[in-house]
Amino acid sequence: ASAVRRAAEAFADWRERPLAERCEIVGRAAEVLRDGLEEY
């Protein structure tokens, strides 16, 4: 329950981030995945 509340607090900030910034972070996840491909 505490984790859900923290997620709600994070949402208040994340929704205000520029869309370009959100897209950039999601794009970086692709790099992390490919760098750790064998491990995952």
All heavy atoms as atom14 arrays in JSON, in Angstrom:
{
  "sequence": "ASAVRRAAEAFADWRERPLAERCEIVGRAAEVLRDGLEEY",
  "atom14_mask": [
    [1, 1, 1, 1, 1, 0, 0, 0, 0, 0, 0, 0, 0, 0],
    [1, 1, 1, 1, 1, 1, 0, 0, 0, 0, 0, 0, 0, 0],
    [1, 1, 1, 1, 1, 0, 0, 0, 0, 0, 0, 0, 0, 0],
    [1, 1, 1, 1, 1, 1, 1, 0, 0, 0, 0, 0, 0, 0],
    [1, 1, 1, 1, 1, 1, 1, 1, 1, 1, 1, 0, 0, 0],
    [1, 1, 1, 1, 1, 1, 1, 1, 1, 1, 1, 0, 0, 0],
    [1, 1, 1, 1, 1, 0, 0, 0, 0, 0, 0, 0, 0, 0],
    [1, 1, 1, 1, 1, 0, 0, 0, 0, 0, 0, 0, 0, 0],
    [1, 1, 1, 1, 1, 1, 1, 1, 1, 0, 0, 0, 0, 0],
    [1, 1, 1, 1, 1, 0, 0, 0, 0, 0, 0, 0, 0, 0],
    [1, 1, 1, 1, 1, 1, 1, 1, 1, 1, 1, 0, 0, 0],
    [1, 1, 1, 1, 1, 0, 0, 0, 0, 0, 0, 0, 0, 0],
    [1, 1, 1, 1, 1, 1, 1, 1, 0, 0, 0, 0, 0, 0],
    [1, 1, 1, 1, 1, 1, 1, 1, 1, 1, 1, 1, 1, 1],
    [1, 1, 1, 1, 1, 1, 1, 1, 1, 1, 1, 0, 0, 0],
    [1, 1, 1, 1, 1, 1, 1, 1, 1, 0, 0, 0, 0, 0],
    [1, 1, 1, 1, 1, 1, 1, 1, 1, 1, 1, 0, 0, 0],
    [1, 1, 1, 1, 1, 1, 1, 0, 0, 0, 0, 0, 0, 0],
    [1, 1, 1, 1, 1, 1, 1, 1, 0, 0, 0, 0, 0, 0],
    [1, 1, 1, 1, 1, 0, 0, 0, 0, 0, 0, 0, 0, 0],
    [1, 1, 1, 1, 1, 1, 1, 1, 1, 0, 0, 0, 0, 0],
    [1, 1, 1, 1, 1, 1, 1, 1, 1, 1, 1, 0, 0, 0],
    [1, 1, 1, 1, 1, 1, 0, 0, 0, 0, 0, 0, 0, 0],
    [1, 1, 1, 1, 1, 1, 1, 1, 1, 0, 0, 0, 0, 0],
    [1, 1, 1, 1, 1, 1, 1, 1, 0, 0, 0, 0, 0, 0],
    [1, 1, 1, 1, 1, 1, 1, 0, 0, 0, 0, 0, 0, 0],
    [1, 1, 1, 1, 0, 0, 0, 0, 0, 0, 0, 0, 0, 0],
    [1, 1, 1, 1, 1, 1, 1, 1, 1, 1, 1, 0, 0, 0],
    [1, 1, 1, 1, 1, 0, 0, 0, 0, 0, 0, 0, 0, 0],
    [1, 1, 1, 1, 1, 0, 0, 0, 0, 0, 0, 0, 0, 0],
    [1, 1, 1, 1, 1, 1, 1, 1, 1, 0, 0, 0, 0, 0],
    [1, 1, 1, 1, 1, 1, 1, 0, 0, 0, 0, 0, 0, 0],
    [1, 1, 1, 1, 1, 1, 1, 1, 0, 0, 0, 0, 0, 0],
    [1, 1, 1, 1, 1, 1, 1, 1, 1, 1, 1, 0, 0, 0],
    [1, 1, 1, 1, 1, 1, 1, 1, 0, 0, 0, 0, 0, 0],
    [1, 1, 1, 1, 0, 0, 0, 0, 0, 0, 0, 0, 0, 0],
    [1, 1, 1, 1, 1, 1, 1, 1, 0, 0, 0, 0, 0, 0],
    [1, 1, 1, 1, 1, 1, 1, 1, 1, 0, 0, 0, 0, 0],
    [1, 1, 1, 1, 1, 1, 1, 1, 1, 0, 0, 0, 0, 0],
    [1, 1, 1, 1, 1, 1, 1, 1, 1, 1, 1, 1, 0, 0]
  ],
  "atom14_positions": [
    [[0.83, -1.21, 0.0], [0.0, 0.0, 0.0], [0.86, 1.26, 0.0], [0.56, 2.25, -0.69], [-0.94, 0.0, 1.2], [0.0, 0.0, 0.0], [0.0, 0.0, 0.0], [0.0, 0.0, 0.0], [0.0, 0.0, 0.0], [0.0, 0.0, 0.0], [0.0, 0.0, 0.0], [0.0, 0.0, 0.0], [0.0, 0.0, 0.0], [0.0, 0.0, 0.0]],
    [[1.95, 1.24, 0.75], [2.87, 2.38, 0.77], [3.51, 2.6, -0.6], [3.7, 3.74, -1.04], [3.95, 2.17, 1.83], [3.4, 2.14, 3.13], [0.0, 0.0, 0.0], [0.0, 0.0, 0.0], [0.0, 0.0, 0.0], [0.0, 0.0, 0.0], [0.0, 0.0, 0.0], [0.0, 0.0, 0.0], [0.0, 0.0, 0.0], [0.0, 0.0, 0.0]],
    [[3.83, 1.49, -1.28], [4.42, 1.6, -2.61], [3.44, 2.23, -3.59], [3.84, 3.01, -4.47], [4.85, 0.22, -3.1], [0.0, 0.0, 0.0], [0.0, 0.0, 0.0], [0.0, 0.0, 0.0], [0.0, 0.0, 0.0], [0.0, 0.0, 0.0], [0.0, 0.0, 0.0], [0.0, 0.0, 0.0], [0.0, 0.0, 0.0], [0.0, 0.0, 0.0]],
    [[2.17, 1.89, -3.47], [1.16, 2.5, -4.34], [1.07, 4.0, -4.08], [0.99, 4.81, -5.02], [-0.21, 1.83, -4.15], [-1.28, 2.54, -4.97], [-0.15, 0.36, -4.55], [0.0, 0.0, 0.0], [0.0, 0.0, 0.0], [0.0, 0.0, 0.0], [0.0, 0.0, 0.0], [0.0, 0.0, 0.0], [0.0, 0.0, 0.0], [0.0, 0.0, 0.0]],
    [[1.11, 4.39, -2.82], [1.06, 5.82, -2.49], [2.28, 6.55, -3.05], [2.16, 7.68, -3.57], [0.97, 6.02, -0.97], [-0.42, 5.69, -0.4], [-0.56, 6.21, 1.01], [0.32, 5.51, 1.95], [0.02, 4.39, 2.58], [-1.16, 3.81, 2.37], [0.87, 3.83, 3.43], [0.0, 0.0, 0.0], [0.0, 0.0, 0.0], [0.0, 0.0, 0.0]],
    [[3.46, 5.93, -2.96], [4.66, 6.55, -3.52], [4.54, 6.68, -5.04], [5.0, 7.66, -5.64], [5.9, 5.74, -3.15], [6.31, 5.87, -1.7], [7.72, 5.34, -1.47], [7.83, 3.92, -1.79], [7.57, 2.94, -0.93], [7.16, 3.22, 0.31], [7.72, 1.68, -1.29], [0.0, 0.0, 0.0], [0.0, 0.0, 0.0], [0.0, 0.0, 0.0]],
    [[3.93, 5.68, -5.68], [3.73, 5.74, -7.13], [2.81, 6.91, -7.48], [3.03, 7.61, -8.49], [3.13, 4.43, -7.64], [0.0, 0.0, 0.0], [0.0, 0.0, 0.0], [0.0, 0.0, 0.0], [0.0, 0.0, 0.0], [0.0, 0.0, 0.0], [0.0, 0.0, 0.0], [0.0, 0.0, 0.0], [0.0, 0.0, 0.0], [0.0, 0.0, 0.0]],
    [[1.78, 7.13, -6.67], [0.87, 8.25, -6.92], [1.61, 9.58, -6.79], [1.37, 10.52, -7.57], [-0.31, 8.19, -5.96], [0.0, 0.0, 0.0], [0.0, 0.0, 0.0], [0.0, 0.0, 0.0], [0.0, 0.0, 0.0], [0.0, 0.0, 0.0], [0.0, 0.0, 0.0], [0.0, 0.0, 0.0], [0.0, 0.0, 0.0], [0.0, 0.0, 0.0]],
    [[2.51, 9.67, -5.82], [3.31, 10.9, -5.66], [4.24, 11.08, -6.86], [4.44, 12.21, -7.35], [4.1, 10.82, -4.36], [3.24, 10.86, -3.11], [4.01, 10.49, -1.84], [5.23, 10.21, -1.96], [3.39, 10.46, -0.76], [0.0, 0.0, 0.0], [0.0, 0.0, 0.0], [0.0, 0.0, 0.0], [0.0, 0.0, 0.0], [0.0, 0.0, 0.0]],
    [[4.81, 9.97, -7.34], [5.69, 10.04, -8.51], [4.91, 10.47, -9.75], [5.43, 11.2, -10.61], [6.35, 8.69, -8.75], [0.0, 0.0, 0.0], [0.0, 0.0, 0.0], [0.0, 0.0, 0.0], [0.0, 0.0, 0.0], [0.0, 0.0, 0.0], [0.0, 0.0, 0.0], [0.0, 0.0, 0.0], [0.0, 0.0, 0.0], [0.0, 0.0, 0.0]],
    [[3.66, 10.03, -9.85], [2.82, 10.4, -10.99], [2.64, 11.91, -11.07], [2.67, 12.5, -12.16], [1.46, 9.71, -10.89], [0.43, 10.25, -11.84], [0.58, 10.11, -13.21], [-0.71, 10.89, -11.36], [-0.38, 10.61, -14.09], [-1.66, 11.39, -12.23], [-1.5, 11.25, -13.59], [0.0, 0.0, 0.0], [0.0, 0.0, 0.0], [0.0, 0.0, 0.0]],
    [[2.47, 12.56, -9.93], [2.26, 14.01, -9.92], [3.42, 14.73, -10.59], [3.24, 15.77, -11.26], [2.07, 14.49, -8.49], [0.0, 0.0, 0.0], [0.0, 0.0, 0.0], [0.0, 0.0, 0.0], [0.0, 0.0, 0.0], [0.0, 0.0, 0.0], [0.0, 0.0, 0.0], [0.0, 0.0, 0.0], [0.0, 0.0, 0.0], [0.0, 0.0, 0.0]],
    [[4.63, 14.19, -10.43], [5.81, 14.78, -11.08], [5.96, 14.31, -12.52], [6.19, 15.1, -13.44], [7.06, 14.42, -10.28], [8.34, 14.76, -11.03], [8.6, 15.95, -11.24], [9.06, 13.82, -11.45], [0.0, 0.0, 0.0], [0.0, 0.0, 0.0], [0.0, 0.0, 0.0], [0.0, 0.0, 0.0], [0.0, 0.0, 0.0], [0.0, 0.0, 0.0]],
    [[5.81, 13.0, -12.73], [6.07, 12.42, -14.06], [5.13, 12.99, -15.12], [5.55, 13.25, -16.25], [5.93, 10.9, -13.97], [6.17, 10.16, -15.24], [5.26, 9.44, -15.96], [7.41, 10.03, -15.95], [5.84, 8.89, -17.07], [7.17, 9.24, -17.08], [8.69, 10.53, -15.72], [8.16, 8.92, -17.99], [9.69, 10.21, -16.63], [9.42, 9.42, -17.76]],
    [[3.88, 13.21, -14.79], [2.92, 13.71, -15.78], [3.29, 15.11, -16.26], [2.9, 15.53, -17.36], [1.51, 13.73, -15.2], [1.28, 14.75, -14.09], [-0.16, 14.75, -13.62], [-1.08, 15.03, -14.72], [-2.41, 14.94, -14.63], [-2.97, 14.55, -13.49], [-3.17, 15.22, -15.66], [0.0, 0.0, 0.0], [0.0, 0.0, 0.0], [0.0, 0.0, 0.0]],
    [[4.06, 15.85, -15.43], [4.46, 17.22, -15.8], [5.76, 17.24, -16.61], [6.11, 18.29, -17.15], [4.63, 18.07, -14.54], [3.36, 18.23, -13.71], [2.24, 18.91, -14.49], [2.55, 19.76, -15.35], [1.06, 18.57, -14.24], [0.0, 0.0, 0.0], [0.0, 0.0, 0.0], [0.0, 0.0, 0.0], [0.0, 0.0, 0.0], [0.0, 0.0, 0.0]],
    [[6.45, 16.11, -16.67], [7.67, 16.08, -17.47], [7.32, 16.29, -18.94], [6.29, 15.78, -19.42], [8.4, 14.74, -17.32], [8.82, 14.39, -15.9], [10.06, 15.13, -15.47], [10.51, 14.69, -14.15], [11.53, 13.87, -13.94], [12.22, 13.38, -14.96], [11.86, 13.54, -12.71], [0.0, 0.0, 0.0], [0.0, 0.0, 0.0], [0.0, 0.0, 0.0]],
    [[8.13, 17.01, -19.69], [7.85, 17.16, -21.13], [7.74, 15.8, -21.8], [8.48, 14.86, -21.47], [9.07, 17.95, -21.64], [9.6, 18.66, -20.43], [9.34, 17.74, -19.27], [0.0, 0.0, 0.0], [0.0, 0.0, 0.0], [0.0, 0.0, 0.0], [0.0, 0.0, 0.0], [0.0, 0.0, 0.0], [0.0, 0.0, 0.0], [0.0, 0.0, 0.0]],
    [[6.85, 15.71, -22.76], [6.65, 14.44, -23.47], [7.95, 13.96, -24.1], [8.25, 12.76, -24.1], [5.56, 14.6, -24.53], [5.23, 13.4, -25.41], [4.91, 12.17, -24.57], [4.08, 13.74, -26.35], [0.0, 0.0, 0.0], [0.0, 0.0, 0.0], [0.0, 0.0, 0.0], [0.0, 0.0, 0.0], [0.0, 0.0, 0.0], [0.0, 0.0, 0.0]],
    [[8.74, 14.88, -24.62], [10.02, 14.5, -25.23], [10.93, 13.83, -24.22], [11.65, 12.87, -24.54], [10.7, 15.72, -25.83], [0.0, 0.0, 0.0], [0.0, 0.0, 0.0], [0.0, 0.0, 0.0], [0.0, 0.0, 0.0], [0.0, 0.0, 0.0], [0.0, 0.0, 0.0], [0.0, 0.0, 0.0], [0.0, 0.0, 0.0], [0.0, 0.0, 0.0]],
    [[10.91, 14.29, -22.98], [11.74, 13.69, -21.94], [11.24, 12.29, -21.6], [12.05, 11.36, -21.42], [11.73, 14.58, -20.69], [12.6, 14.02, -19.57], [12.55, 14.87, -18.31], [12.09, 16.03, -18.38], [12.96, 14.36, -17.24], [0.0, 0.0, 0.0], [0.0, 0.0, 0.0], [0.0, 0.0, 0.0], [0.0, 0.0, 0.0], [0.0, 0.0, 0.0]],
    [[9.93, 12.14, -21.5], [9.39, 10.81, -21.22], [9.76, 9.83, -22.33], [10.15, 8.68, -22.07], [7.86, 10.89, -21.05], [7.41, 11.81, -19.93], [6.0, 11.52, -19.48], [5.0, 11.6, -20.51], [4.16, 12.63, -20.71], [4.27, 13.72, -19.94], [3.24, 12.6, -21.65], [0.0, 0.0, 0.0], [0.0, 0.0, 0.0], [0.0, 0.0, 0.0]],
    [[9.65, 10.27, -23.57], [10.0, 9.4, -24.69], [11.49, 9.04, -24.68], [11.87, 7.9, -24.97], [9.65, 10.08, -26.01], [7.87, 10.19, -26.34], [0.0, 0.0, 0.0], [0.0, 0.0, 0.0], [0.0, 0.0, 0.0], [0.0, 0.0, 0.0], [0.0, 0.0, 0.0], [0.0, 0.0, 0.0], [0.0, 0.0, 0.0], [0.0, 0.0, 0.0]],
    [[12.31, 10.0, -24.3], [13.75, 9.75, -24.25], [14.09, 8.67, -23.23], [14.9, 7.76, -23.49], [14.49, 11.03, -23.91], [16.0, 10.87, -23.89], [16.73, 12.14, -23.49], [16.06, 13.18, -23.32], [17.97, 12.08, -23.36], [0.0, 0.0, 0.0], [0.0, 0.0, 0.0], [0.0, 0.0, 0.0], [0.0, 0.0, 0.0], [0.0, 0.0, 0.0]],
    [[13.46, 8.72, -22.06], [13.74, 7.72, -21.02], [13.25, 6.34, -21.46], [13.94, 5.33, -21.26], [13.09, 8.16, -19.69], [13.88, 9.34, -19.12], [13.05, 7.01, -18.69], [13.26, 9.96, -17.89], [0.0, 0.0, 0.0], [0.0, 0.0, 0.0], [0.0, 0.0, 0.0], [0.0, 0.0, 0.0], [0.0, 0.0, 0.0], [0.0, 0.0, 0.0]],
    [[12.08, 6.28, -22.07], [11.58, 4.99, -22.57], [12.51, 4.46, -23.66], [12.78, 3.25, -23.73], [10.13, 5.14, -23.09], [9.68, 3.88, -23.84], [9.18, 5.42, -21.92], [0.0, 0.0, 0.0], [0.0, 0.0, 0.0], [0.0, 0.0, 0.0], [0.0, 0.0, 0.0], [0.0, 0.0, 0.0], [0.0, 0.0, 0.0], [0.0, 0.0, 0.0]],
    [[13.02, 5.33, -24.49], [13.99, 4.9, -25.5], [15.27, 4.37, -24.89], [15.87, 3.41, -25.39], [0.0, 0.0, 0.0], [0.0, 0.0, 0.0], [0.0, 0.0, 0.0], [0.0, 0.0, 0.0], [0.0, 0.0, 0.0], [0.0, 0.0, 0.0], [0.0, 0.0, 0.0], [0.0, 0.0, 0.0], [0.0, 0.0, 0.0], [0.0, 0.0, 0.0]],
    [[15.7, 4.98, -23.78], [16.92, 4.49, -23.12], [16.73, 3.1, -22.55], [17.7, 2.33, -22.41], [17.36, 5.47, -22.02], [18.1, 6.68, -22.56], [19.06, 7.26, -21.51], [18.36, 7.74, -20.33], [17.92, 8.99, -20.17], [18.06, 9.87, -21.13], [17.32, 9.33, -19.05], [0.0, 0.0, 0.0], [0.0, 0.0, 0.0], [0.0, 0.0, 0.0]],
    [[15.51, 2.76, -22.18], [15.25, 1.4, -21.68], [15.62, 0.36, -22.73], [16.08, -0.74, -22.39], [13.8, 1.26, -21.26], [0.0, 0.0, 0.0], [0.0, 0.0, 0.0], [0.0, 0.0, 0.0], [0.0, 0.0, 0.0], [0.0, 0.0, 0.0], [0.0, 0.0, 0.0], [0.0, 0.0, 0.0], [0.0, 0.0, 0.0], [0.0, 0.0, 0.0]],
    [[15.43, 0.7, -24.0], [15.81, -0.23, -25.08], [17.31, -0.48, -25.04], [17.78, -1.62, -25.24], [15.39, 0.33, -26.43], [0.0, 0.0, 0.0], [0.0, 0.0, 0.0], [0.0, 0.0, 0.0], [0.0, 0.0, 0.0], [0.0, 0.0, 0.0], [0.0, 0.0, 0.0], [0.0, 0.0, 0.0], [0.0, 0.0, 0.0], [0.0, 0.0, 0.0]],
    [[18.1, 0.56, -24.79], [19.55, 0.4, -24.72], [19.94, -0.47, -23.53], [20.83, -1.33, -23.64], [20.2, 1.78, -24.59], [19.94, 2.71, -25.76], [20.47, 4.11, -25.51], [21.29, 4.28, -24.57], [20.08, 5.04, -26.24], [0.0, 0.0, 0.0], [0.0, 0.0, 0.0], [0.0, 0.0, 0.0], [0.0, 0.0, 0.0], [0.0, 0.0, 0.0]],
    [[19.28, -0.25, -22.39], [19.58, -1.06, -21.19], [19.27, -2.53, -21.48], [20.04, -3.44, -21.11], [18.78, -0.55, -19.98], [19.0, -1.46, -18.77], [19.15, 0.89, -19.65], [0.0, 0.0, 0.0], [0.0, 0.0, 0.0], [0.0, 0.0, 0.0], [0.0, 0.0, 0.0], [0.0, 0.0, 0.0], [0.0, 0.0, 0.0], [0.0, 0.0, 0.0]],
    [[18.15, -2.77, -22.12], [17.76, -4.15, -22.43], [18.79, -4.82, -23.35], [19.19, -5.96, -23.12], [16.39, -4.17, -23.09], [15.2, -3.95, -22.15], [13.95, -3.56, -22.94], [14.92, -5.2, -21.33], [0.0, 0.0, 0.0], [0.0, 0.0, 0.0], [0.0, 0.0, 0.0], [0.0, 0.0, 0.0], [0.0, 0.0, 0.0], [0.0, 0.0, 0.0]],
    [[19.21, -4.11, -24.37], [20.16, -4.72, -25.31], [21.53, -4.91, -24.67], [22.22, -5.9, -24.94], [20.26, -3.86, -26.57], [18.97, -3.92, -27.41], [19.24, -3.66, -28.89], [18.05, -4.03, -29.66], [17.11, -3.19, -30.07], [17.22, -1.9, -29.76], [16.08, -3.59, -30.77], [0.0, 0.0, 0.0], [0.0, 0.0, 0.0], [0.0, 0.0, 0.0]],
    [[21.92, -3.98, -23.81], [23.21, -4.14, -23.11], [23.2, -5.36, -22.19], [24.22, -6.02, -22.0], [23.52, -2.89, -22.29], [23.91, -1.7, -23.16], [24.22, -1.91, -24.35], [23.88, -0.56, -22.65], [0.0, 0.0, 0.0], [0.0, 0.0, 0.0], [0.0, 0.0, 0.0], [0.0, 0.0, 0.0], [0.0, 0.0, 0.0], [0.0, 0.0, 0.0]],
    [[22.04, -5.66, -21.6], [21.95, -6.79, -20.67], [21.26, -8.01, -21.25], [20.78, -8.87, -20.5], [0.0, 0.0, 0.0], [0.0, 0.0, 0.0], [0.0, 0.0, 0.0], [0.0, 0.0, 0.0], [0.0, 0.0, 0.0], [0.0, 0.0, 0.0], [0.0, 0.0, 0.0], [0.0, 0.0, 0.0], [0.0, 0.0, 0.0], [0.0, 0.0, 0.0]],
    [[21.23, -8.1, -22.58], [20.45, -9.15, -23.25], [20.76, -10.54, -22.73], [19.84, -11.31, -22.4], [20.67, -9.07, -24.77], [19.82, -10.01, -25.64], [19.48, -9.35, -26.97], [20.57, -11.32, -25.9], [0.0, 0.0, 0.0], [0.0, 0.0, 0.0], [0.0, 0.0, 0.0], [0.0, 0.0, 0.0], [0.0, 0.0, 0.0], [0.0, 0.0, 0.0]],
    [[22.01, -10.9, -22.65], [22.36, -12.26, -22.24], [21.92, -12.53, -20.8], [21.42, -13.61, -20.48], [23.86, -12.49, -22.39], [24.32, -12.64, -23.83], [23.68, -13.84, -24.54], [23.4, -14.86, -23.87], [23.47, -13.74, -25.76], [0.0, 0.0, 0.0], [0.0, 0.0, 0.0], [0.0, 0.0, 0.0], [0.0, 0.0, 0.0], [0.0, 0.0, 0.0]],
    [[22.12, -11.55, -19.92], [21.74, -11.71, -18.52], [20.23, -11.91, -18.38], [19.76, -12.81, -17.67], [22.18, -10.48, -17.74], [21.69, -10.45, -16.29], [21.91, -9.1, -15.64], [22.63, -8.24, -16.22], [21.33, -8.88, -14.55], [0.0, 0.0, 0.0], [0.0, 0.0, 0.0], [0.0, 0.0, 0.0], [0.0, 0.0, 0.0], [0.0, 0.0, 0.0]],
    [[19.45, -11.07, -19.07], [18.0, -11.15, -18.95], [17.45, -12.42, -19.61], [16.53, -13.06, -19.09], [17.35, -9.91, -19.57], [17.79, -8.61, -18.96], [18.16, -7.53, -19.76], [17.88, -8.46, -17.58], [18.57, -6.33, -19.21], [18.31, -7.26, -17.02], [18.66, -6.2, -17.84], [19.07, -5.01, -17.3], [0.0, 0.0, 0.0], [0.0, 0.0, 0.0]]
  ]
}
